[in-house]
Amino acid sequence: MPIIKSAIKRAKQTLKRRERNISIKKDIKTAVKAFSAEPSAKTLAAAQSEIDTAVKKGLIKKNTAARRKSALSKIAKKAGVALEAAKKPAAKPATAKKTAAKKAPAKKLAAKKAEK
């Protein structure tokens, strides 16, 4: 057991992080097993979401996640399951105010260069 105050704090932090990491890894395994047991678009999305969450939290590397998701999609393709495309809201058109603000500095720079 550590004696130094900072080492005690570090030990507590390590335990908390370890529990959190184990929990996230269990969530991944559970979601992947659920997908393997019953391949469907819903379970595929859940498994991929858990993997993405682990990457976001720094638990697994990006390429590891890509490899695992690829394996899941390969299984889904064999089972005839297609992931439903997420609906994104339409992009808003740029307003005239924003475009005018971007063009104005360029004219000023050209005028300054011409003076020199």
N, C-alpha and C. Protein backbone atom coordinates (compact mmCIF):
# COMPACT_ATOMS: atom_id res chain seq x y z
N MET A 1 0.85 -1.18 0.00
CA MET A 1 0.00 0.00 0.00
C MET A 1 0.89 1.25 0.00
N PRO A 2 0.56 2.21 -0.85
CA PRO A 2 1.39 3.42 -0.92
C PRO A 2 1.26 4.28 0.35
N ILE A 3 2.34 4.97 0.64
CA ILE A 3 2.37 5.83 1.83
C ILE A 3 2.21 7.29 1.42
N ILE A 4 2.82 7.65 0.31
CA ILE A 4 2.80 9.03 -0.16
C ILE A 4 1.39 9.39 -0.64
N LYS A 5 0.99 10.61 -0.31
CA LYS A 5 -0.37 11.08 -0.60
C LYS A 5 -0.71 11.00 -2.10
N SER A 6 0.20 11.43 -2.94
CA SER A 6 -0.06 11.42 -4.38
C SER A 6 -0.16 9.99 -4.92
N ALA A 7 0.62 9.08 -4.32
CA ALA A 7 0.57 7.68 -4.74
C ALA A 7 -0.75 7.04 -4.32
N ILE A 8 -1.27 7.44 -3.17
CA ILE A 8 -2.57 6.93 -2.72
C ILE A 8 -3.67 7.39 -3.68
N LYS A 9 -3.61 8.66 -4.04
CA LYS A 9 -4.59 9.21 -4.98
C LYS A 9 -4.50 8.49 -6.33
N ARG A 10 -3.27 8.29 -6.80
CA ARG A 10 -3.05 7.62 -8.08
C ARG A 10 -3.62 6.20 -8.05
N ALA A 11 -3.45 5.51 -6.93
CA ALA A 11 -3.98 4.15 -6.79
C ALA A 11 -5.50 4.14 -6.87
N LYS A 12 -6.13 5.13 -6.23
CA LYS A 12 -7.59 5.23 -6.28
C LYS A 12 -8.06 5.49 -7.71
N GLN A 13 -7.36 6.41 -8.41
CA GLN A 13 -7.72 6.73 -9.79
C GLN A 13 -7.58 5.50 -10.69
N THR A 14 -6.51 4.74 -10.46
CA THR A 14 -6.27 3.54 -11.27
C THR A 14 -7.40 2.53 -11.08
N LEU A 15 -7.84 2.34 -9.85
CA LEU A 15 -8.94 1.41 -9.60
C LEU A 15 -10.23 1.85 -10.29
N LYS A 16 -10.53 3.15 -10.21
CA LYS A 16 -11.74 3.66 -10.86
C LYS A 16 -11.67 3.46 -12.37
N ARG A 17 -10.52 3.81 -12.96
CA ARG A 17 -10.36 3.67 -14.41
C ARG A 17 -10.47 2.21 -14.83
N ARG A 18 -9.85 1.33 -14.04
CA ARG A 18 -9.87 -0.10 -14.36
C ARG A 18 -11.30 -0.62 -14.37
N GLU A 19 -12.09 -0.25 -13.37
CA GLU A 19 -13.49 -0.68 -13.31
C GLU A 19 -14.28 -0.16 -14.51
N ARG A 20 -14.03 1.11 -14.86
CA ARG A 20 -14.72 1.71 -16.01
C ARG A 20 -14.34 1.00 -17.30
N ASN A 21 -13.05 0.72 -17.48
CA ASN A 21 -12.58 0.05 -18.68
C ASN A 21 -13.15 -1.36 -18.79
N ILE A 22 -13.17 -2.08 -17.67
CA ILE A 22 -13.73 -3.43 -17.68
C ILE A 22 -15.21 -3.39 -18.05
N SER A 23 -15.92 -2.40 -17.53
CA SER A 23 -17.34 -2.26 -17.82
C SER A 23 -17.57 -2.03 -19.32
N ILE A 24 -16.77 -1.16 -19.92
CA ILE A 24 -16.92 -0.86 -21.34
C ILE A 24 -16.59 -2.09 -22.18
N LYS A 25 -15.54 -2.82 -21.79
CA LYS A 25 -15.17 -4.04 -22.53
C LYS A 25 -16.27 -5.09 -22.43
N LYS A 26 -16.90 -5.20 -21.25
CA LYS A 26 -18.01 -6.15 -21.09
C LYS A 26 -19.18 -5.76 -21.98
N ASP A 27 -19.44 -4.45 -22.08
CA ASP A 27 -20.53 -3.97 -22.95
C ASP A 27 -20.26 -4.35 -24.40
N ILE A 28 -19.01 -4.21 -24.83
CA ILE A 28 -18.64 -4.58 -26.21
C ILE A 28 -18.89 -6.06 -26.43
N LYS A 29 -18.37 -6.88 -25.52
CA LYS A 29 -18.50 -8.34 -25.66
C LYS A 29 -19.96 -8.76 -25.67
N THR A 30 -20.75 -8.16 -24.80
CA THR A 30 -22.18 -8.49 -24.72
C THR A 30 -22.89 -8.13 -26.02
N ALA A 31 -22.59 -6.95 -26.54
CA ALA A 31 -23.24 -6.50 -27.78
C ALA A 31 -22.83 -7.38 -28.96
N VAL A 32 -21.55 -7.74 -29.02
CA VAL A 32 -21.07 -8.58 -30.13
C VAL A 32 -21.69 -9.98 -30.04
N LYS A 33 -21.78 -10.52 -28.82
CA LYS A 33 -22.39 -11.84 -28.65
C LYS A 33 -23.87 -11.80 -29.00
N ALA A 34 -24.55 -10.72 -28.65
CA ALA A 34 -25.96 -10.58 -28.99
C ALA A 34 -26.15 -10.54 -30.50
N PHE A 35 -25.22 -9.85 -31.18
CA PHE A 35 -25.29 -9.80 -32.63
C PHE A 35 -25.02 -11.16 -33.25
N SER A 36 -24.02 -11.87 -32.71
CA SER A 36 -23.68 -13.19 -33.24
C SER A 36 -24.84 -14.17 -33.04
N ALA A 37 -25.52 -14.07 -31.91
CA ALA A 37 -26.64 -14.95 -31.62
C ALA A 37 -27.83 -14.67 -32.53
N GLU A 38 -28.11 -13.39 -32.75
CA GLU A 38 -29.25 -13.01 -33.58
C GLU A 38 -28.87 -11.82 -34.46
N PRO A 39 -28.29 -12.08 -35.64
CA PRO A 39 -27.88 -10.97 -36.51
C PRO A 39 -29.09 -10.17 -37.01
N SER A 40 -29.10 -8.90 -36.66
CA SER A 40 -30.13 -7.99 -37.15
C SER A 40 -29.52 -6.60 -37.24
N ALA A 41 -30.20 -5.71 -37.91
CA ALA A 41 -29.70 -4.35 -38.07
C ALA A 41 -29.56 -3.65 -36.72
N LYS A 42 -30.51 -3.93 -35.84
CA LYS A 42 -30.50 -3.28 -34.52
C LYS A 42 -29.30 -3.74 -33.69
N THR A 43 -29.06 -5.06 -33.66
CA THR A 43 -27.94 -5.57 -32.87
C THR A 43 -26.59 -5.19 -33.49
N LEU A 44 -26.54 -5.11 -34.80
CA LEU A 44 -25.31 -4.68 -35.48
C LEU A 44 -24.99 -3.24 -35.12
N ALA A 45 -26.01 -2.38 -35.15
CA ALA A 45 -25.82 -0.97 -34.80
C ALA A 45 -25.37 -0.83 -33.35
N ALA A 46 -25.95 -1.63 -32.47
CA ALA A 46 -25.58 -1.58 -31.05
C ALA A 46 -24.13 -1.99 -30.84
N ALA A 47 -23.71 -3.06 -31.52
CA ALA A 47 -22.34 -3.55 -31.39
C ALA A 47 -21.34 -2.52 -31.92
N GLN A 48 -21.64 -1.96 -33.08
CA GLN A 48 -20.76 -0.95 -33.66
C GLN A 48 -20.70 0.30 -32.79
N SER A 49 -21.82 0.65 -32.19
CA SER A 49 -21.87 1.81 -31.31
C SER A 49 -21.00 1.60 -30.07
N GLU A 50 -21.04 0.41 -29.50
CA GLU A 50 -20.21 0.11 -28.33
C GLU A 50 -18.73 0.18 -28.68
N ILE A 51 -18.38 -0.31 -29.86
CA ILE A 51 -16.98 -0.26 -30.30
C ILE A 51 -16.54 1.19 -30.49
N ASP A 52 -17.40 1.99 -31.11
CA ASP A 52 -17.09 3.41 -31.31
C ASP A 52 -16.91 4.14 -29.98
N THR A 53 -17.74 3.79 -29.01
CA THR A 53 -17.64 4.41 -27.69
C THR A 53 -16.30 4.09 -27.05
N ALA A 54 -15.84 2.84 -27.20
CA ALA A 54 -14.56 2.44 -26.62
C ALA A 54 -13.40 3.21 -27.26
N VAL A 55 -13.51 3.46 -28.57
CA VAL A 55 -12.46 4.23 -29.26
C VAL A 55 -12.48 5.67 -28.76
N LYS A 56 -13.66 6.23 -28.62
CA LYS A 56 -13.81 7.60 -28.17
C LYS A 56 -13.21 7.80 -26.78
N LYS A 57 -13.34 6.78 -25.93
CA LYS A 57 -12.83 6.87 -24.57
C LYS A 57 -11.37 6.44 -24.47
N GLY A 58 -10.78 6.03 -25.60
CA GLY A 58 -9.37 5.67 -25.62
C GLY A 58 -9.07 4.28 -25.11
N LEU A 59 -10.07 3.43 -25.06
CA LEU A 59 -9.89 2.09 -24.54
C LEU A 59 -9.29 1.15 -25.59
N ILE A 60 -9.73 1.29 -26.83
CA ILE A 60 -9.13 0.51 -27.91
C ILE A 60 -8.71 1.47 -29.02
N LYS A 61 -7.76 1.01 -29.83
CA LYS A 61 -7.25 1.86 -30.90
C LYS A 61 -8.20 1.88 -32.08
N LYS A 62 -8.04 2.90 -32.91
CA LYS A 62 -8.93 3.11 -34.04
C LYS A 62 -8.89 1.94 -35.03
N ASN A 63 -7.69 1.44 -35.31
CA ASN A 63 -7.57 0.34 -36.27
C ASN A 63 -8.15 -0.96 -35.72
N THR A 64 -8.03 -1.16 -34.42
CA THR A 64 -8.62 -2.34 -33.78
C THR A 64 -10.14 -2.29 -33.93
N ALA A 65 -10.69 -1.11 -33.71
CA ALA A 65 -12.14 -0.93 -33.85
C ALA A 65 -12.57 -1.17 -35.29
N ALA A 66 -11.78 -0.68 -36.23
CA ALA A 66 -12.10 -0.86 -37.65
C ALA A 66 -12.10 -2.35 -38.00
N ARG A 67 -11.12 -3.06 -37.48
CA ARG A 67 -11.02 -4.50 -37.75
C ARG A 67 -12.21 -5.24 -37.18
N ARG A 68 -12.60 -4.90 -35.97
CA ARG A 68 -13.74 -5.57 -35.33
C ARG A 68 -15.05 -5.25 -36.05
N LYS A 69 -15.22 -3.99 -36.43
CA LYS A 69 -16.43 -3.60 -37.15
C LYS A 69 -16.49 -4.27 -38.52
N SER A 70 -15.34 -4.42 -39.14
CA SER A 70 -15.27 -5.09 -40.43
C SER A 70 -15.72 -6.55 -40.30
N ALA A 71 -15.25 -7.20 -39.24
CA ALA A 71 -15.64 -8.59 -38.99
C ALA A 71 -17.15 -8.69 -38.76
N LEU A 72 -17.70 -7.72 -38.03
CA LEU A 72 -19.14 -7.71 -37.79
C LEU A 72 -19.92 -7.53 -39.10
N SER A 73 -19.43 -6.63 -39.95
CA SER A 73 -20.15 -6.39 -41.20
C SER A 73 -20.03 -7.59 -42.13
N LYS A 74 -18.94 -8.32 -42.02
CA LYS A 74 -18.77 -9.54 -42.83
C LYS A 74 -19.80 -10.59 -42.40
N ILE A 75 -19.99 -10.73 -41.10
CA ILE A 75 -21.00 -11.65 -40.57
C ILE A 75 -22.40 -11.19 -40.99
N ALA A 76 -22.62 -9.88 -40.93
CA ALA A 76 -23.92 -9.33 -41.30
C ALA A 76 -24.22 -9.58 -42.77
N LYS A 77 -23.21 -9.45 -43.60
CA LYS A 77 -23.39 -9.67 -45.04
C LYS A 77 -23.77 -11.13 -45.31
N LYS A 78 -23.10 -12.06 -44.60
CA LYS A 78 -23.43 -13.49 -44.76
C LYS A 78 -24.86 -13.76 -44.32
N ALA A 79 -25.30 -13.09 -43.26
CA ALA A 79 -26.65 -13.30 -42.72
C ALA A 79 -27.70 -12.53 -43.51
N GLY A 80 -27.26 -11.64 -44.41
CA GLY A 80 -28.21 -10.86 -45.21
C GLY A 80 -28.78 -9.67 -44.46
N VAL A 81 -28.01 -9.15 -43.51
CA VAL A 81 -28.45 -8.00 -42.72
C VAL A 81 -27.77 -6.75 -43.26
N ALA A 82 -28.54 -5.69 -43.45
CA ALA A 82 -27.97 -4.42 -43.91
C ALA A 82 -28.18 -3.38 -42.82
N LEU A 83 -27.13 -2.61 -42.54
CA LEU A 83 -27.23 -1.55 -41.54
C LEU A 83 -28.04 -0.41 -42.12
N GLU A 84 -29.02 0.05 -41.38
CA GLU A 84 -29.87 1.14 -41.84
C GLU A 84 -29.07 2.43 -41.81
N ALA A 85 -29.14 3.20 -42.88
CA ALA A 85 -28.41 4.46 -42.95
C ALA A 85 -29.00 5.46 -41.98
N ALA A 86 -28.13 6.14 -41.28
CA ALA A 86 -28.59 7.16 -40.33
C ALA A 86 -29.06 8.37 -41.11
N LYS A 87 -30.18 8.92 -40.71
CA LYS A 87 -30.72 10.08 -41.40
C LYS A 87 -30.09 11.34 -40.83
N LYS A 88 -29.44 12.10 -41.70
CA LYS A 88 -28.83 13.36 -41.28
C LYS A 88 -29.72 14.51 -41.74
N PRO A 89 -29.83 15.55 -40.94
CA PRO A 89 -30.61 16.70 -41.38
C PRO A 89 -29.91 17.37 -42.55
N ALA A 90 -30.68 17.95 -43.44
CA ALA A 90 -30.12 18.62 -44.61
C ALA A 90 -29.25 19.79 -44.18
N ALA A 91 -28.16 19.99 -44.91
CA ALA A 91 -27.25 21.08 -44.58
C ALA A 91 -27.93 22.41 -44.87
N LYS A 92 -27.74 23.35 -43.98
CA LYS A 92 -28.35 24.66 -44.15
C LYS A 92 -27.52 25.47 -45.15
N PRO A 93 -28.18 26.17 -46.06
CA PRO A 93 -27.43 26.98 -47.01
C PRO A 93 -26.75 28.16 -46.30
N ALA A 94 -25.60 28.53 -46.80
CA ALA A 94 -24.85 29.64 -46.19
C ALA A 94 -25.62 30.94 -46.42
N THR A 95 -25.65 31.76 -45.43
CA THR A 95 -26.34 33.04 -45.57
C THR A 95 -25.43 34.04 -46.27
N ALA A 96 -26.02 35.06 -46.83
CA ALA A 96 -25.27 36.07 -47.56
C ALA A 96 -24.33 36.82 -46.62
N LYS A 97 -24.72 36.94 -45.38
CA LYS A 97 -23.93 37.66 -44.40
C LYS A 97 -22.57 36.98 -44.18
N LYS A 98 -22.57 35.66 -44.07
CA LYS A 98 -21.34 34.92 -43.84
C LYS A 98 -20.41 34.99 -45.05
N THR A 99 -20.94 34.84 -46.24
CA THR A 99 -20.10 34.86 -47.44
C THR A 99 -19.51 36.24 -47.66
N ALA A 100 -20.28 37.28 -47.37
CA ALA A 100 -19.79 38.63 -47.55
C ALA A 100 -18.66 38.92 -46.55
N ALA A 101 -18.77 38.38 -45.36
CA ALA A 101 -17.74 38.60 -44.34
C ALA A 101 -16.44 37.93 -44.74
N LYS A 102 -16.51 36.80 -45.42
CA LYS A 102 -15.30 36.09 -45.84
C LYS A 102 -14.60 36.80 -46.99
N LYS A 103 -15.37 37.41 -47.87
CA LYS A 103 -14.79 38.05 -49.06
C LYS A 103 -14.16 39.40 -48.75
N ALA A 104 -14.68 40.09 -47.77
CA ALA A 104 -14.20 41.45 -47.46
C ALA A 104 -12.71 41.48 -47.09
N PRO A 105 -12.18 40.62 -46.23
CA PRO A 105 -10.76 40.70 -45.89
C PRO A 105 -9.84 40.47 -47.09
N ALA A 106 -10.25 39.64 -48.02
CA ALA A 106 -9.43 39.38 -49.19
C ALA A 106 -9.24 40.66 -50.02
N LYS A 107 -10.28 41.46 -50.14
CA LYS A 107 -10.18 42.71 -50.90
C LYS A 107 -9.23 43.68 -50.21
N LYS A 108 -9.29 43.72 -48.88
CA LYS A 108 -8.42 44.62 -48.13
C LYS A 108 -6.96 44.21 -48.30
N LEU A 109 -6.68 42.92 -48.27
CA LEU A 109 -5.31 42.43 -48.43
C LEU A 109 -4.78 42.76 -49.83
N ALA A 110 -5.64 42.60 -50.83
CA ALA A 110 -5.22 42.92 -52.20
C ALA A 110 -4.92 44.40 -52.34
N ALA A 111 -5.71 45.25 -51.69
CA ALA A 111 -5.48 46.69 -51.76
C ALA A 111 -4.17 47.07 -51.07
N LYS A 112 -3.85 46.43 -49.95
CA LYS A 112 -2.62 46.71 -49.23
C LYS A 112 -1.41 46.29 -50.05
N LYS A 113 -1.50 45.15 -50.71
CA LYS A 113 -0.38 44.65 -51.53
C LYS A 113 -0.14 45.57 -52.72
N ALA A 114 -1.22 46.12 -53.27
CA ALA A 114 -1.11 46.99 -54.42
C ALA A 114 -0.40 48.31 -54.03
N GLU A 115 -0.63 48.77 -52.80
CA GLU A 115 -0.02 50.02 -52.33
C GLU A 115 1.49 49.88 -52.17
N LYS A 116 1.95 48.73 -51.78
CA LYS A 116 3.39 48.51 -51.54
C LYS A 116 4.09 48.40 -52.81
